[in-house]
Amino acid sequence: MKSCPKCKSESRHRMMRKGIVKIIPGTRGYACDNCNTQYAWFSLINRTFKV
């Protein structure tokens, strides 16, 4: 479930990870196309969180 944590939209594009998220393995950075929120998806626990 890689949907946006703010607007729950599935429309997104990949971005470079920022800050501490770069260190955590298994994360991918995304930005929402609708609300432009930048977030990361943590694949091991299948959760998204805002960066």
N, C-alpha and C. Protein backbone atom coordinates (compact mmCIF):
# COMPACT_ATOMS: atom_id res chain seq x y z
N MET A 1 0.85 -1.18 0.00
CA MET A 1 0.00 0.00 0.00
C MET A 1 0.89 1.24 0.00
N LYS A 2 1.11 1.79 -1.17
CA LYS A 2 1.97 2.94 -1.31
C LYS A 2 1.17 4.22 -1.49
N SER A 3 -0.04 4.28 -0.97
CA SER A 3 -0.87 5.46 -1.16
C SER A 3 -0.38 6.62 -0.29
N CYS A 4 -0.74 7.81 -0.68
CA CYS A 4 -0.34 9.02 0.03
C CYS A 4 -0.92 9.03 1.45
N PRO A 5 -0.10 9.34 2.47
CA PRO A 5 -0.64 9.37 3.83
C PRO A 5 -1.57 10.55 4.09
N LYS A 6 -1.52 11.57 3.23
CA LYS A 6 -2.36 12.76 3.44
C LYS A 6 -3.71 12.65 2.73
N CYS A 7 -3.68 12.37 1.42
CA CYS A 7 -4.93 12.36 0.65
C CYS A 7 -5.36 10.96 0.20
N LYS A 8 -4.56 9.94 0.50
CA LYS A 8 -4.85 8.54 0.17
C LYS A 8 -4.93 8.26 -1.33
N SER A 9 -4.29 9.09 -2.13
CA SER A 9 -4.27 8.91 -3.57
C SER A 9 -3.20 7.89 -3.96
N GLU A 10 -3.46 7.13 -5.01
CA GLU A 10 -2.49 6.16 -5.53
C GLU A 10 -1.61 6.79 -6.60
N SER A 11 -1.92 8.01 -7.04
CA SER A 11 -1.15 8.69 -8.07
C SER A 11 0.12 9.28 -7.45
N ARG A 12 1.29 8.79 -7.90
CA ARG A 12 2.56 9.19 -7.28
C ARG A 12 3.70 9.03 -8.27
N HIS A 13 4.87 9.57 -7.91
CA HIS A 13 6.09 9.33 -8.67
C HIS A 13 7.26 9.19 -7.70
N ARG A 14 8.28 8.46 -8.12
CA ARG A 14 9.43 8.19 -7.27
C ARG A 14 10.29 9.43 -7.12
N MET A 15 10.89 9.57 -5.93
CA MET A 15 11.80 10.68 -5.65
C MET A 15 13.00 10.12 -4.89
N MET A 16 14.04 10.94 -4.79
CA MET A 16 15.18 10.55 -3.97
C MET A 16 14.80 10.68 -2.50
N ARG A 17 15.31 9.76 -1.69
CA ARG A 17 15.03 9.80 -0.26
C ARG A 17 15.85 10.90 0.39
N LYS A 18 15.31 11.49 1.45
CA LYS A 18 15.97 12.59 2.14
C LYS A 18 16.21 12.24 3.60
N GLY A 19 17.22 12.87 4.18
CA GLY A 19 17.48 12.78 5.61
C GLY A 19 17.76 11.39 6.11
N ILE A 20 17.17 11.07 7.25
CA ILE A 20 17.40 9.80 7.93
C ILE A 20 16.84 8.62 7.15
N VAL A 21 15.91 8.88 6.27
CA VAL A 21 15.28 7.81 5.49
C VAL A 21 16.30 7.14 4.57
N LYS A 22 17.35 7.86 4.16
CA LYS A 22 18.39 7.27 3.33
C LYS A 22 19.10 6.13 4.03
N ILE A 23 19.21 6.20 5.34
CA ILE A 23 19.95 5.21 6.10
C ILE A 23 19.15 3.93 6.29
N ILE A 24 17.83 4.03 6.35
CA ILE A 24 16.96 2.88 6.63
C ILE A 24 16.80 2.03 5.36
N PRO A 25 17.28 0.78 5.38
CA PRO A 25 17.11 -0.08 4.20
C PRO A 25 15.65 -0.49 4.04
N GLY A 26 15.23 -0.66 2.79
CA GLY A 26 13.86 -1.10 2.52
C GLY A 26 12.88 0.03 2.35
N THR A 27 13.35 1.28 2.31
CA THR A 27 12.45 2.41 2.11
C THR A 27 12.57 2.94 0.69
N ARG A 28 11.48 3.51 0.21
CA ARG A 28 11.47 4.16 -1.10
C ARG A 28 10.77 5.49 -0.97
N GLY A 29 11.29 6.52 -1.63
CA GLY A 29 10.72 7.85 -1.55
C GLY A 29 9.74 8.11 -2.68
N TYR A 30 8.62 8.73 -2.36
CA TYR A 30 7.59 9.07 -3.34
C TYR A 30 7.09 10.49 -3.10
N ALA A 31 6.45 11.06 -4.11
CA ALA A 31 5.74 12.33 -4.00
C ALA A 31 4.37 12.16 -4.64
N CYS A 32 3.36 12.64 -3.97
CA CYS A 32 1.99 12.53 -4.46
C CYS A 32 1.77 13.51 -5.61
N ASP A 33 1.10 13.06 -6.66
CA ASP A 33 0.80 13.93 -7.80
C ASP A 33 -0.35 14.89 -7.51
N ASN A 34 -1.24 14.54 -6.59
CA ASN A 34 -2.40 15.38 -6.29
C ASN A 34 -2.08 16.50 -5.31
N CYS A 35 -1.49 16.16 -4.16
CA CYS A 35 -1.26 17.16 -3.11
C CYS A 35 0.22 17.51 -2.91
N ASN A 36 1.11 16.88 -3.70
CA ASN A 36 2.54 17.17 -3.67
C ASN A 36 3.19 16.88 -2.32
N THR A 37 2.65 15.95 -1.55
CA THR A 37 3.24 15.53 -0.28
C THR A 37 4.38 14.55 -0.55
N GLN A 38 5.51 14.77 0.09
CA GLN A 38 6.62 13.84 -0.03
C GLN A 38 6.55 12.85 1.11
N TYR A 39 6.67 11.57 0.78
CA TYR A 39 6.56 10.53 1.80
C TYR A 39 7.46 9.36 1.44
N ALA A 40 7.67 8.49 2.42
CA ALA A 40 8.49 7.30 2.22
C ALA A 40 7.64 6.07 2.51
N TRP A 41 7.91 5.00 1.78
CA TRP A 41 7.22 3.74 1.98
C TRP A 41 8.23 2.75 2.55
N PHE A 42 7.91 2.15 3.68
CA PHE A 42 8.77 1.19 4.35
C PHE A 42 8.24 -0.20 4.03
N SER A 43 8.94 -0.93 3.16
CA SER A 43 8.42 -2.19 2.62
C SER A 43 8.30 -3.31 3.65
N LEU A 44 9.15 -3.33 4.66
CA LEU A 44 9.11 -4.43 5.62
C LEU A 44 7.85 -4.45 6.45
N ILE A 45 7.32 -3.27 6.77
CA ILE A 45 6.08 -3.20 7.55
C ILE A 45 4.90 -2.68 6.72
N ASN A 46 5.16 -2.42 5.42
CA ASN A 46 4.14 -1.97 4.49
C ASN A 46 3.40 -0.72 4.98
N ARG A 47 4.14 0.28 5.41
CA ARG A 47 3.57 1.54 5.89
C ARG A 47 4.20 2.72 5.17
N THR A 48 3.43 3.81 5.06
CA THR A 48 3.96 5.06 4.53
C THR A 48 4.01 6.09 5.64
N PHE A 49 4.97 7.01 5.53
CA PHE A 49 5.07 8.10 6.49
C PHE A 49 5.64 9.33 5.79
N LYS A 50 5.19 10.51 6.24
CA LYS A 50 5.63 11.76 5.64
C LYS A 50 7.07 12.05 6.01
N VAL A 51 7.78 12.63 5.05
CA VAL A 51 9.19 12.98 5.27
C VAL A 51 9.29 14.44 5.64
